[in-house]
Amino acid sequence: MKRAHRRKPLNRPWWRAPLRYMLRVRPRRRHVHGTLVHRLLGEKLFEPSLWIPNREAVAHGMAWGTFAGFLPLPGQSIVAVLLCYALRGNIATAVLATFLSNPLTTPAIWWLQFKLGRWLLPLLRWMETDEYREAGRSVIQYGFSFGKPFLLGSLVSAVVLGLAAYPLTLWVWDLVEAAALRRRKRRASQRAAEAAEHRAAAKDHPKDGAEG
C-alpha cells in the first residue's frame, strides 16, 4: 500500500494575519469613485501610480499619511489623499497611516504635542506666574495659552515624524522583501528535500505501489 505523504506545516510569522487584514480593508479606487474627492480632483485621481503599491510610492504615502495624521485637523484622510495626489504617493498607505492617531492614541498624542510646544516656546512660561493666576480664566485666555504651544507641537511633530516615516518605510520594505525571499528559498529547499525523500522511499520499496 502506498504511503501517504504528509507535508510538515510551516510556521507563519506573527505579522501575516494583521498584514492580510490591512490589505483587505485598505481603501481602493472603487471606494473613492463618485465621492466628493473624485468630483473635485477628476479622473486623474485614478492613475495607477497612486494606487498600485511599490517601494517609493508606499514610502511617500506613509510619509504624507503620518504628517496628516498628526495634525489636529478634521478630515485627516482627505488631507492625506490631497498630498498624495499632488506629491505622488500611495493613497491606500497614506489613508491607513492617518489611523496612527485614533481615539485610543489621540489623548496621549495631544498631551505630548502640547508638552513639546511648551518646550519649544519658553516665552510661554509667563502662564505660570502669579499675574496669570490672578487674571480671569476666560475661554479666550485658555485657548490662547494652551492652543499656541499645542499647535506648534502638532506641526513640529507632524513634520518630524513624516520625514522619519519615509526612510523607516523603505527600511521595513527591504526587510520584509528580504524575509519573503528567504522564506521562498526555504520553502523551495524543503520541497526539494521532501521530493528527494519521497523518491528514495519509492526506490527502497518498489513493490508498495503494485501491492496497493
N, C-alpha and C. Protein backbone atom coordinates (compact mmCIF):
# COMPACT_ATOMS: atom_id res chain seq x y z
N MET A 1 0.85 -1.21 0.00
CA MET A 1 0.00 0.00 0.00
C MET A 1 0.87 1.24 0.00
N LYS A 2 0.52 2.17 -0.81
CA LYS A 2 1.33 3.38 -0.95
C LYS A 2 1.19 4.27 0.27
N ARG A 3 2.32 4.71 0.75
CA ARG A 3 2.32 5.53 1.95
C ARG A 3 1.87 6.95 1.65
N ALA A 4 1.00 7.46 2.49
CA ALA A 4 0.53 8.85 2.33
C ALA A 4 1.64 9.80 2.77
N HIS A 5 1.91 10.78 1.94
CA HIS A 5 2.98 11.73 2.24
C HIS A 5 2.36 12.99 2.84
N ARG A 6 2.70 13.29 4.06
CA ARG A 6 2.14 14.45 4.75
C ARG A 6 3.18 15.56 4.83
N ARG A 7 2.80 16.73 4.34
CA ARG A 7 3.72 17.87 4.36
C ARG A 7 3.73 18.51 5.74
N LYS A 8 4.90 18.82 6.21
CA LYS A 8 5.03 19.45 7.51
C LYS A 8 4.49 20.88 7.48
N PRO A 9 3.69 21.27 8.48
CA PRO A 9 3.18 22.66 8.49
C PRO A 9 4.30 23.66 8.72
N LEU A 10 4.22 24.77 8.00
CA LEU A 10 5.22 25.82 8.12
C LEU A 10 4.79 26.83 9.18
N ASN A 11 5.72 27.30 9.96
CA ASN A 11 5.43 28.32 10.97
C ASN A 11 5.23 29.66 10.28
N ARG A 12 4.05 30.24 10.44
CA ARG A 12 3.75 31.52 9.80
C ARG A 12 4.18 32.66 10.72
N PRO A 13 4.75 33.72 10.16
CA PRO A 13 5.18 34.84 11.01
C PRO A 13 3.98 35.53 11.65
N TRP A 14 4.23 36.16 12.81
CA TRP A 14 3.14 36.77 13.58
C TRP A 14 2.48 37.93 12.85
N TRP A 15 3.22 38.58 11.93
CA TRP A 15 2.67 39.77 11.29
C TRP A 15 1.82 39.43 10.06
N ARG A 16 1.73 38.14 9.71
CA ARG A 16 0.99 37.79 8.50
C ARG A 16 -0.50 38.10 8.61
N ALA A 17 -1.12 37.75 9.75
CA ALA A 17 -2.56 37.97 9.92
C ALA A 17 -2.94 39.45 9.91
N PRO A 18 -2.28 40.33 10.73
CA PRO A 18 -2.65 41.75 10.65
C PRO A 18 -2.36 42.37 9.30
N LEU A 19 -1.30 41.90 8.62
CA LEU A 19 -1.00 42.45 7.29
C LEU A 19 -2.09 42.08 6.31
N ARG A 20 -2.57 40.85 6.37
CA ARG A 20 -3.67 40.46 5.48
C ARG A 20 -4.92 41.27 5.75
N TYR A 21 -5.19 41.52 7.04
CA TYR A 21 -6.38 42.32 7.39
C TYR A 21 -6.26 43.74 6.84
N MET A 22 -5.08 44.35 6.99
CA MET A 22 -4.88 45.70 6.49
C MET A 22 -5.00 45.75 4.97
N LEU A 23 -4.49 44.74 4.29
CA LEU A 23 -4.61 44.71 2.84
C LEU A 23 -6.06 44.52 2.41
N ARG A 24 -6.84 43.80 3.22
CA ARG A 24 -8.23 43.56 2.87
C ARG A 24 -9.09 44.80 3.06
N VAL A 25 -8.81 45.60 4.09
CA VAL A 25 -9.64 46.77 4.38
C VAL A 25 -9.07 48.06 3.81
N ARG A 26 -7.95 47.98 3.11
CA ARG A 26 -7.34 49.21 2.59
C ARG A 26 -8.26 49.87 1.58
N PRO A 27 -8.24 51.20 1.48
CA PRO A 27 -9.09 51.88 0.51
C PRO A 27 -8.68 51.54 -0.92
N ARG A 28 -9.64 51.35 -1.77
CA ARG A 28 -9.39 51.02 -3.17
C ARG A 28 -10.03 52.09 -4.05
N ARG A 29 -9.72 52.02 -5.33
CA ARG A 29 -10.24 53.03 -6.26
C ARG A 29 -11.76 53.03 -6.29
N ARG A 30 -12.36 51.85 -6.19
CA ARG A 30 -13.82 51.81 -6.25
C ARG A 30 -14.46 52.45 -5.03
N HIS A 31 -13.72 52.51 -3.90
CA HIS A 31 -14.26 53.16 -2.71
C HIS A 31 -14.31 54.68 -2.87
N VAL A 32 -13.45 55.22 -3.71
CA VAL A 32 -13.36 56.67 -3.89
C VAL A 32 -14.24 57.15 -5.05
N HIS A 33 -14.61 56.23 -5.93
CA HIS A 33 -15.37 56.61 -7.12
C HIS A 33 -16.72 57.21 -6.74
N GLY A 34 -16.98 58.39 -7.29
CA GLY A 34 -18.24 59.08 -7.04
C GLY A 34 -18.28 59.92 -5.78
N THR A 35 -17.23 59.94 -5.01
CA THR A 35 -17.20 60.73 -3.79
C THR A 35 -16.88 62.19 -4.10
N LEU A 36 -16.90 63.00 -3.06
CA LEU A 36 -16.59 64.43 -3.22
C LEU A 36 -15.15 64.61 -3.71
N VAL A 37 -14.23 63.80 -3.18
CA VAL A 37 -12.84 63.91 -3.62
C VAL A 37 -12.71 63.60 -5.10
N HIS A 38 -13.45 62.62 -5.58
CA HIS A 38 -13.42 62.28 -7.01
C HIS A 38 -13.96 63.42 -7.86
N ARG A 39 -15.04 64.02 -7.41
CA ARG A 39 -15.63 65.12 -8.18
C ARG A 39 -14.71 66.33 -8.21
N LEU A 40 -13.97 66.56 -7.13
CA LEU A 40 -13.07 67.71 -7.08
C LEU A 40 -11.79 67.49 -7.90
N LEU A 41 -11.24 66.28 -7.84
CA LEU A 41 -9.94 66.03 -8.46
C LEU A 41 -10.02 65.41 -9.85
N GLY A 42 -11.17 64.83 -10.19
CA GLY A 42 -11.34 64.29 -11.53
C GLY A 42 -10.73 62.91 -11.70
N GLU A 43 -10.67 62.48 -12.96
CA GLU A 43 -10.20 61.13 -13.27
C GLU A 43 -8.71 60.94 -13.02
N LYS A 44 -7.98 62.03 -12.89
CA LYS A 44 -6.55 61.91 -12.61
C LYS A 44 -6.30 61.24 -11.28
N LEU A 45 -7.32 61.24 -10.42
CA LEU A 45 -7.19 60.61 -9.11
C LEU A 45 -7.00 59.10 -9.24
N PHE A 46 -7.41 58.51 -10.38
CA PHE A 46 -7.37 57.07 -10.55
C PHE A 46 -6.16 56.61 -11.36
N GLU A 47 -5.14 57.44 -11.44
CA GLU A 47 -3.92 56.99 -12.09
C GLU A 47 -3.34 55.80 -11.34
N PRO A 48 -2.85 54.78 -12.07
CA PRO A 48 -2.31 53.58 -11.40
C PRO A 48 -1.16 53.90 -10.43
N SER A 49 -0.39 54.94 -10.73
CA SER A 49 0.75 55.26 -9.88
C SER A 49 0.33 55.65 -8.47
N LEU A 50 -0.92 56.08 -8.29
CA LEU A 50 -1.41 56.47 -6.97
C LEU A 50 -1.98 55.29 -6.17
N TRP A 51 -2.20 54.16 -6.84
CA TRP A 51 -2.90 53.06 -6.18
C TRP A 51 -2.11 51.76 -6.17
N ILE A 52 -1.30 51.52 -7.19
CA ILE A 52 -0.52 50.29 -7.25
C ILE A 52 0.70 50.44 -6.36
N PRO A 53 0.86 49.60 -5.33
CA PRO A 53 1.96 49.80 -4.38
C PRO A 53 3.31 49.43 -4.97
N ASN A 54 4.28 50.26 -4.72
CA ASN A 54 5.67 49.96 -4.98
C ASN A 54 6.50 50.62 -3.88
N ARG A 55 7.78 50.37 -3.89
CA ARG A 55 8.63 50.78 -2.78
C ARG A 55 8.58 52.29 -2.53
N GLU A 56 8.78 53.08 -3.55
CA GLU A 56 8.82 54.53 -3.39
C GLU A 56 7.45 55.10 -3.10
N ALA A 57 6.43 54.62 -3.81
CA ALA A 57 5.08 55.16 -3.61
C ALA A 57 4.56 54.88 -2.21
N VAL A 58 4.84 53.68 -1.69
CA VAL A 58 4.40 53.34 -0.33
C VAL A 58 5.13 54.20 0.70
N ALA A 59 6.43 54.43 0.49
CA ALA A 59 7.19 55.27 1.42
C ALA A 59 6.66 56.70 1.42
N HIS A 60 6.38 57.23 0.23
CA HIS A 60 5.80 58.58 0.16
C HIS A 60 4.43 58.62 0.81
N GLY A 61 3.61 57.60 0.54
CA GLY A 61 2.28 57.57 1.15
C GLY A 61 2.33 57.50 2.66
N MET A 62 3.25 56.72 3.19
CA MET A 62 3.40 56.65 4.65
C MET A 62 3.84 57.99 5.23
N ALA A 63 4.72 58.68 4.52
CA ALA A 63 5.18 59.99 5.00
C ALA A 63 4.04 60.99 5.01
N TRP A 64 3.29 61.08 3.91
CA TRP A 64 2.18 62.05 3.86
C TRP A 64 1.07 61.67 4.82
N GLY A 65 0.78 60.39 4.96
CA GLY A 65 -0.27 59.97 5.89
C GLY A 65 0.10 60.23 7.34
N THR A 66 1.37 60.00 7.68
CA THR A 66 1.82 60.29 9.05
C THR A 66 1.76 61.77 9.33
N PHE A 67 2.19 62.58 8.36
CA PHE A 67 2.13 64.04 8.53
C PHE A 67 0.69 64.50 8.76
N ALA A 68 -0.24 64.02 7.92
CA ALA A 68 -1.63 64.44 8.06
C ALA A 68 -2.25 63.90 9.34
N GLY A 69 -1.88 62.68 9.73
CA GLY A 69 -2.48 62.07 10.91
C GLY A 69 -2.12 62.75 12.21
N PHE A 70 -0.96 63.43 12.26
CA PHE A 70 -0.55 64.09 13.49
C PHE A 70 -0.91 65.57 13.51
N LEU A 71 -1.64 66.03 12.51
CA LEU A 71 -2.17 67.38 12.54
C LEU A 71 -3.54 67.37 13.20
N PRO A 72 -3.82 68.29 14.10
CA PRO A 72 -5.13 68.31 14.77
C PRO A 72 -6.20 68.91 13.88
N LEU A 73 -6.49 68.22 12.78
CA LEU A 73 -7.44 68.71 11.80
C LEU A 73 -8.52 67.67 11.55
N PRO A 74 -9.74 68.10 11.24
CA PRO A 74 -10.75 67.13 10.79
C PRO A 74 -10.45 66.71 9.36
N GLY A 75 -10.88 65.53 8.99
CA GLY A 75 -10.66 65.07 7.63
C GLY A 75 -9.21 64.79 7.32
N GLN A 76 -8.51 64.14 8.22
CA GLN A 76 -7.10 63.85 8.00
C GLN A 76 -6.88 62.95 6.78
N SER A 77 -7.81 62.03 6.54
CA SER A 77 -7.68 61.14 5.39
C SER A 77 -7.76 61.93 4.08
N ILE A 78 -8.64 62.94 4.05
CA ILE A 78 -8.76 63.76 2.84
C ILE A 78 -7.48 64.56 2.62
N VAL A 79 -6.90 65.08 3.70
CA VAL A 79 -5.62 65.79 3.58
C VAL A 79 -4.55 64.87 3.04
N ALA A 80 -4.51 63.62 3.52
CA ALA A 80 -3.52 62.65 3.04
C ALA A 80 -3.72 62.34 1.56
N VAL A 81 -4.98 62.20 1.14
CA VAL A 81 -5.26 61.93 -0.28
C VAL A 81 -4.81 63.10 -1.15
N LEU A 82 -5.08 64.32 -0.71
CA LEU A 82 -4.68 65.50 -1.48
C LEU A 82 -3.15 65.59 -1.58
N LEU A 83 -2.46 65.29 -0.50
CA LEU A 83 -0.99 65.32 -0.54
C LEU A 83 -0.44 64.27 -1.49
N CYS A 84 -1.02 63.07 -1.45
CA CYS A 84 -0.58 62.03 -2.38
C CYS A 84 -0.90 62.40 -3.82
N TYR A 85 -2.04 63.03 -4.03
CA TYR A 85 -2.43 63.44 -5.38
C TYR A 85 -1.46 64.48 -5.93
N ALA A 86 -1.04 65.42 -5.09
CA ALA A 86 -0.17 66.50 -5.55
C ALA A 86 1.29 66.09 -5.60
N LEU A 87 1.72 65.25 -4.64
CA LEU A 87 3.14 64.96 -4.50
C LEU A 87 3.50 63.51 -4.78
N ARG A 88 2.56 62.74 -5.26
CA ARG A 88 2.76 61.36 -5.66
C ARG A 88 3.09 60.45 -4.48
N GLY A 89 2.12 59.65 -4.13
CA GLY A 89 2.29 58.67 -3.06
C GLY A 89 1.16 57.67 -3.14
N ASN A 90 1.31 56.55 -2.51
CA ASN A 90 0.28 55.53 -2.50
C ASN A 90 -0.86 55.95 -1.58
N ILE A 91 -2.04 56.14 -2.15
CA ILE A 91 -3.17 56.68 -1.41
C ILE A 91 -3.62 55.73 -0.31
N ALA A 92 -3.67 54.44 -0.60
CA ALA A 92 -4.13 53.48 0.40
C ALA A 92 -3.21 53.49 1.62
N THR A 93 -1.89 53.53 1.39
CA THR A 93 -0.95 53.57 2.51
C THR A 93 -1.10 54.85 3.31
N ALA A 94 -1.30 55.98 2.62
CA ALA A 94 -1.44 57.25 3.31
C ALA A 94 -2.68 57.27 4.20
N VAL A 95 -3.79 56.76 3.68
CA VAL A 95 -5.03 56.74 4.48
C VAL A 95 -4.87 55.84 5.70
N LEU A 96 -4.25 54.67 5.51
CA LEU A 96 -4.02 53.78 6.65
C LEU A 96 -3.09 54.43 7.68
N ALA A 97 -2.11 55.21 7.22
CA ALA A 97 -1.17 55.84 8.14
C ALA A 97 -1.85 56.89 9.01
N THR A 98 -2.91 57.51 8.53
CA THR A 98 -3.61 58.51 9.34
C THR A 98 -4.23 57.90 10.59
N PHE A 99 -4.44 56.58 10.58
CA PHE A 99 -5.05 55.92 11.74
C PHE A 99 -4.05 55.67 12.85
N LEU A 100 -2.81 56.15 12.67
CA LEU A 100 -1.89 56.15 13.81
C LEU A 100 -2.44 57.01 14.94
N SER A 101 -3.17 58.05 14.56
CA SER A 101 -3.90 58.85 15.56
C SER A 101 -5.36 58.42 15.52
N ASN A 102 -5.79 57.79 16.56
CA ASN A 102 -7.15 57.25 16.65
C ASN A 102 -7.69 57.56 18.05
N PRO A 103 -8.95 57.25 18.32
CA PRO A 103 -9.49 57.58 19.65
C PRO A 103 -8.70 57.02 20.83
N LEU A 104 -7.95 55.94 20.62
CA LEU A 104 -7.17 55.38 21.71
C LEU A 104 -5.85 56.11 21.91
N THR A 105 -5.23 56.57 20.82
CA THR A 105 -3.91 57.20 20.92
C THR A 105 -3.97 58.72 20.94
N THR A 106 -5.07 59.31 20.50
CA THR A 106 -5.14 60.77 20.38
C THR A 106 -4.89 61.51 21.70
N PRO A 107 -5.49 61.11 22.83
CA PRO A 107 -5.21 61.85 24.08
C PRO A 107 -3.72 61.91 24.41
N ALA A 108 -3.02 60.79 24.30
CA ALA A 108 -1.59 60.79 24.59
C ALA A 108 -0.81 61.62 23.57
N ILE A 109 -1.20 61.54 22.31
CA ILE A 109 -0.51 62.32 21.27
C ILE A 109 -0.68 63.81 21.52
N TRP A 110 -1.90 64.24 21.82
CA TRP A 110 -2.14 65.66 22.05
C TRP A 110 -1.39 66.16 23.28
N TRP A 111 -1.35 65.34 24.32
CA TRP A 111 -0.63 65.75 25.53
C TRP A 111 0.86 65.91 25.23
N LEU A 112 1.44 64.96 24.49
CA LEU A 112 2.86 65.05 24.14
C LEU A 112 3.12 66.24 23.21
N GLN A 113 2.20 66.51 22.30
CA GLN A 113 2.38 67.65 21.41
C GLN A 113 2.32 68.96 22.18
N PHE A 114 1.43 69.04 23.15
CA PHE A 114 1.37 70.24 23.97
C PHE A 114 2.66 70.42 24.77
N LYS A 115 3.18 69.33 25.36
CA LYS A 115 4.44 69.41 26.09
C LYS A 115 5.58 69.83 25.18
N LEU A 116 5.59 69.30 23.97
CA LEU A 116 6.63 69.67 23.00
C LEU A 116 6.54 71.14 22.65
N GLY A 117 5.32 71.63 22.44
CA GLY A 117 5.14 73.03 22.12
C GLY A 117 5.58 73.95 23.24
N ARG A 118 5.28 73.57 24.48
CA ARG A 118 5.73 74.40 25.61
C ARG A 118 7.24 74.37 25.75
N TRP A 119 7.85 73.24 25.42
CA TRP A 119 9.32 73.17 25.48
C TRP A 119 9.95 74.03 24.39
N LEU A 120 9.27 74.15 23.25
CA LEU A 120 9.79 74.95 22.15
C LEU A 120 9.47 76.43 22.30
N LEU A 121 8.55 76.74 23.18
CA LEU A 121 8.17 78.14 23.39
C LEU A 121 8.44 78.53 24.85
N PRO A 122 9.70 78.76 25.20
CA PRO A 122 9.99 79.11 26.61
C PRO A 122 9.35 80.42 27.03
N LEU A 123 8.99 81.26 26.07
CA LEU A 123 8.36 82.53 26.44
C LEU A 123 6.99 82.32 27.09
N LEU A 124 6.40 81.14 26.90
CA LEU A 124 5.08 80.90 27.48
C LEU A 124 5.14 80.54 28.96
N ARG A 125 6.32 80.65 29.55
CA ARG A 125 6.42 80.41 30.98
C ARG A 125 5.66 81.45 31.80
N TRP A 126 5.30 82.58 31.16
CA TRP A 126 4.53 83.59 31.87
C TRP A 126 3.18 83.04 32.31
N MET A 127 2.77 81.88 31.70
CA MET A 127 1.50 81.28 32.09
C MET A 127 1.52 80.83 33.55
N GLU A 128 2.70 80.56 34.09
CA GLU A 128 2.79 80.04 35.45
C GLU A 128 3.04 81.14 36.50
N THR A 129 3.08 82.39 36.09
CA THR A 129 3.34 83.48 37.03
C THR A 129 2.09 83.81 37.83
N ASP A 130 2.30 84.56 38.92
CA ASP A 130 1.15 84.97 39.75
C ASP A 130 0.21 85.87 38.97
N GLU A 131 0.80 86.63 38.04
CA GLU A 131 -0.02 87.54 37.25
C GLU A 131 -1.07 86.78 36.45
N TYR A 132 -0.64 85.64 35.89
CA TYR A 132 -1.57 84.84 35.10
C TYR A 132 -2.62 84.18 35.98
N ARG A 133 -2.22 83.73 37.17
CA ARG A 133 -3.18 83.07 38.06
C ARG A 133 -4.25 84.03 38.54
N GLU A 134 -3.85 85.30 38.68
CA GLU A 134 -4.82 86.27 39.16
C GLU A 134 -5.73 86.78 38.06
N ALA A 135 -5.33 86.56 36.82
CA ALA A 135 -6.15 87.04 35.70
C ALA A 135 -7.38 86.15 35.55
N GLY A 136 -8.40 86.70 34.93
CA GLY A 136 -9.61 85.92 34.69
C GLY A 136 -9.35 84.81 33.69
N ARG A 137 -9.80 83.60 34.01
CA ARG A 137 -9.57 82.46 33.13
C ARG A 137 -10.74 82.34 32.16
N SER A 138 -10.78 83.21 31.22
CA SER A 138 -11.84 83.16 30.22
C SER A 138 -11.51 82.11 29.16
N VAL A 139 -12.48 81.79 28.34
CA VAL A 139 -12.28 80.80 27.29
C VAL A 139 -11.23 81.27 26.30
N ILE A 140 -11.21 82.55 25.99
CA ILE A 140 -10.23 83.08 25.03
C ILE A 140 -8.82 82.97 25.61
N GLN A 141 -8.65 83.34 26.87
CA GLN A 141 -7.33 83.24 27.50
C GLN A 141 -6.88 81.78 27.57
N TYR A 142 -7.79 80.90 27.89
CA TYR A 142 -7.44 79.49 27.98
C TYR A 142 -7.02 78.94 26.62
N GLY A 143 -7.79 79.29 25.58
CA GLY A 143 -7.45 78.82 24.24
C GLY A 143 -6.13 79.36 23.75
N PHE A 144 -5.85 80.65 24.04
CA PHE A 144 -4.58 81.22 23.61
C PHE A 144 -3.41 80.60 24.36
N SER A 145 -3.59 80.40 25.65
CA SER A 145 -2.49 79.91 26.47
C SER A 145 -2.13 78.47 26.13
N PHE A 146 -3.14 77.67 25.89
CA PHE A 146 -2.89 76.25 25.63
C PHE A 146 -2.90 75.92 24.15
N GLY A 147 -3.56 76.71 23.34
CA GLY A 147 -3.64 76.41 21.92
C GLY A 147 -2.36 76.71 21.17
N LYS A 148 -1.66 77.75 21.54
CA LYS A 148 -0.45 78.12 20.82
C LYS A 148 0.64 77.06 20.94
N PRO A 149 1.00 76.61 22.14
CA PRO A 149 2.01 75.53 22.20
C PRO A 149 1.52 74.23 21.60
N PHE A 150 0.22 73.95 21.70
CA PHE A 150 -0.31 72.72 21.13
C PHE A 150 -0.19 72.73 19.61
N LEU A 151 -0.54 73.85 18.99
CA LEU A 151 -0.43 73.93 17.53
C LEU A 151 1.02 73.85 17.08
N LEU A 152 1.91 74.50 17.81
CA LEU A 152 3.32 74.43 17.46
C LEU A 152 3.85 72.99 17.61
N GLY A 153 3.53 72.35 18.72
CA GLY A 153 3.96 70.97 18.93
C GLY A 153 3.38 70.03 17.90
N SER A 154 2.11 70.27 17.49
CA SER A 154 1.49 69.42 16.48
C SER A 154 2.20 69.55 15.15
N LEU A 155 2.50 70.78 14.76
CA LEU A 155 3.15 71.00 13.46
C LEU A 155 4.55 70.40 13.46
N VAL A 156 5.31 70.64 14.52
CA VAL A 156 6.68 70.13 14.57
C VAL A 156 6.69 68.60 14.59
N SER A 157 5.83 68.00 15.39
CA SER A 157 5.79 66.53 15.46
C SER A 157 5.34 65.92 14.15
N ALA A 158 4.38 66.57 13.47
CA ALA A 158 3.91 66.05 12.19
C ALA A 158 5.02 66.08 11.14
N VAL A 159 5.77 67.18 11.10
CA VAL A 159 6.86 67.29 10.13
C VAL A 159 7.97 66.28 10.43
N VAL A 160 8.38 66.20 11.69
CA VAL A 160 9.49 65.31 12.07
C VAL A 160 9.10 63.85 11.84
N LEU A 161 7.92 63.45 12.28
CA LEU A 161 7.50 62.06 12.12
C LEU A 161 7.23 61.71 10.66
N GLY A 162 6.72 62.69 9.90
CA GLY A 162 6.52 62.45 8.47
C GLY A 162 7.84 62.24 7.75
N LEU A 163 8.85 63.05 8.09
CA LEU A 163 10.17 62.87 7.50
C LEU A 163 10.80 61.54 7.91
N ALA A 164 10.58 61.16 9.16
CA ALA A 164 11.16 59.90 9.64
C ALA A 164 10.45 58.69 9.04
N ALA A 165 9.16 58.84 8.71
CA ALA A 165 8.40 57.71 8.18
C ALA A 165 8.91 57.26 6.81
N TYR A 166 9.46 58.18 6.03
CA TYR A 166 9.91 57.82 4.68
C TYR A 166 11.07 56.83 4.71
N PRO A 167 12.22 57.14 5.35
CA PRO A 167 13.30 56.15 5.36
C PRO A 167 12.95 54.90 6.16
N LEU A 168 12.13 55.05 7.21
CA LEU A 168 11.74 53.88 8.00
C LEU A 168 10.92 52.90 7.16
N THR A 169 10.01 53.45 6.32
CA THR A 169 9.21 52.59 5.45
C THR A 169 10.08 51.89 4.41
N LEU A 170 11.04 52.61 3.85
CA LEU A 170 11.97 51.98 2.90
C LEU A 170 12.72 50.82 3.57
N TRP A 171 13.17 51.05 4.81
CA TRP A 171 13.91 50.01 5.54
C TRP A 171 13.02 48.80 5.81
N VAL A 172 11.77 49.04 6.25
CA VAL A 172 10.85 47.94 6.53
C VAL A 172 10.51 47.20 5.24
N TRP A 173 10.33 47.93 4.15
CA TRP A 173 10.03 47.30 2.85
C TRP A 173 11.16 46.33 2.47
N ASP A 174 12.40 46.81 2.56
CA ASP A 174 13.55 45.96 2.22
C ASP A 174 13.64 44.76 3.17
N LEU A 175 13.34 45.00 4.45
CA LEU A 175 13.39 43.92 5.43
C LEU A 175 12.35 42.85 5.12
N VAL A 176 11.12 43.27 4.84
CA VAL A 176 10.05 42.32 4.53
C VAL A 176 10.34 41.59 3.22
N GLU A 177 10.84 42.34 2.25
CA GLU A 177 11.17 41.73 0.95
C GLU A 177 12.26 40.67 1.11
N ALA A 178 13.29 40.97 1.91
CA ALA A 178 14.36 40.00 2.15
C ALA A 178 13.82 38.79 2.91
N ALA A 179 12.94 39.02 3.89
CA ALA A 179 12.37 37.91 4.65
C ALA A 179 11.51 37.03 3.74
N ALA A 180 10.74 37.66 2.84
CA ALA A 180 9.92 36.87 1.91
C ALA A 180 10.79 36.05 0.97
N LEU A 181 11.91 36.63 0.52
CA LEU A 181 12.82 35.90 -0.35
C LEU A 181 13.43 34.70 0.37
N ARG A 182 13.85 34.92 1.63
CA ARG A 182 14.39 33.80 2.41
C ARG A 182 13.34 32.72 2.64
N ARG A 183 12.10 33.15 2.86
CA ARG A 183 11.03 32.19 3.09
C ARG A 183 10.76 31.38 1.83
N ARG A 184 10.77 32.02 0.66
CA ARG A 184 10.57 31.28 -0.59
C ARG A 184 11.70 30.28 -0.82
N LYS A 185 12.93 30.71 -0.54
CA LYS A 185 14.06 29.79 -0.70
C LYS A 185 13.95 28.62 0.27
N ARG A 186 13.52 28.89 1.51
CA ARG A 186 13.38 27.83 2.49
C ARG A 186 12.29 26.85 2.07
N ARG A 187 11.18 27.38 1.56
CA ARG A 187 10.12 26.50 1.09
C ARG A 187 10.59 25.65 -0.08
N ALA A 188 11.33 26.27 -1.02
CA ALA A 188 11.84 25.52 -2.17
C ALA A 188 12.79 24.42 -1.72
N SER A 189 13.66 24.72 -0.77
CA SER A 189 14.59 23.70 -0.29
C SER A 189 13.85 22.59 0.46
N GLN A 190 12.80 22.95 1.21
CA GLN A 190 12.01 21.94 1.91
C GLN A 190 11.30 21.03 0.92
N ARG A 191 10.74 21.63 -0.13
CA ARG A 191 10.06 20.81 -1.14
C ARG A 191 11.04 19.90 -1.85
N ALA A 192 12.24 20.44 -2.15
CA ALA A 192 13.24 19.60 -2.82
C ALA A 192 13.66 18.44 -1.92
N ALA A 193 13.84 18.74 -0.62
CA ALA A 193 14.23 17.67 0.31
C ALA A 193 13.12 16.64 0.46
N GLU A 194 11.87 17.10 0.53
CA GLU A 194 10.74 16.17 0.64
C GLU A 194 10.61 15.32 -0.61
N ALA A 195 10.82 15.93 -1.78
CA ALA A 195 10.74 15.17 -3.04
C ALA A 195 11.84 14.13 -3.11
N ALA A 196 13.06 14.53 -2.68
CA ALA A 196 14.17 13.57 -2.68
C ALA A 196 13.89 12.42 -1.71
N GLU A 197 13.32 12.76 -0.55
CA GLU A 197 12.98 11.72 0.43
C GLU A 197 11.91 10.80 -0.11
N HIS A 198 10.94 11.37 -0.81
CA HIS A 198 9.87 10.56 -1.39
C HIS A 198 10.40 9.64 -2.48
N ARG A 199 11.32 10.16 -3.31
CA ARG A 199 11.91 9.32 -4.36
C ARG A 199 12.74 8.19 -3.75
N ALA A 200 13.48 8.52 -2.68
CA ALA A 200 14.29 7.49 -2.03
C ALA A 200 13.40 6.42 -1.42
N ALA A 201 12.27 6.84 -0.79
CA ALA A 201 11.35 5.86 -0.20
C ALA A 201 10.72 4.97 -1.26
N ALA A 202 10.36 5.57 -2.43
CA ALA A 202 9.78 4.79 -3.52
C ALA A 202 10.80 3.82 -4.11
N LYS A 203 12.07 4.22 -4.14
CA LYS A 203 13.13 3.35 -4.66
C LYS A 203 13.40 2.19 -3.72
N ASP A 204 13.33 2.43 -2.40
CA ASP A 204 13.56 1.37 -1.42
C ASP A 204 12.41 0.38 -1.37
N HIS A 205 11.18 0.81 -1.69
CA HIS A 205 10.01 -0.05 -1.63
C HIS A 205 9.29 -0.02 -2.98
N PRO A 206 9.85 -0.60 -4.00
CA PRO A 206 9.25 -0.50 -5.34
C PRO A 206 7.95 -1.28 -5.44
N LYS A 207 7.70 -2.25 -4.54
CA LYS A 207 6.50 -3.07 -4.65
C LYS A 207 5.30 -2.48 -3.95
N ASP A 208 5.49 -1.41 -3.22
CA ASP A 208 4.37 -0.84 -2.47
C ASP A 208 3.26 -0.37 -3.38
N GLY A 209 3.68 0.24 -4.51
CA GLY A 209 2.67 0.74 -5.46
C GLY A 209 1.90 -0.40 -6.07
N ALA A 210 2.59 -1.53 -6.39
CA ALA A 210 1.90 -2.66 -7.01
C ALA A 210 0.94 -3.34 -6.04
N GLU A 211 1.38 -3.45 -4.78
CA GLU A 211 0.51 -4.07 -3.77
C GLU A 211 -0.74 -3.25 -3.53
N GLY A 212 -0.60 -1.91 -3.61
CA GLY A 212 -1.79 -1.08 -3.41
C GLY A 212 -2.75 -1.24 -4.54
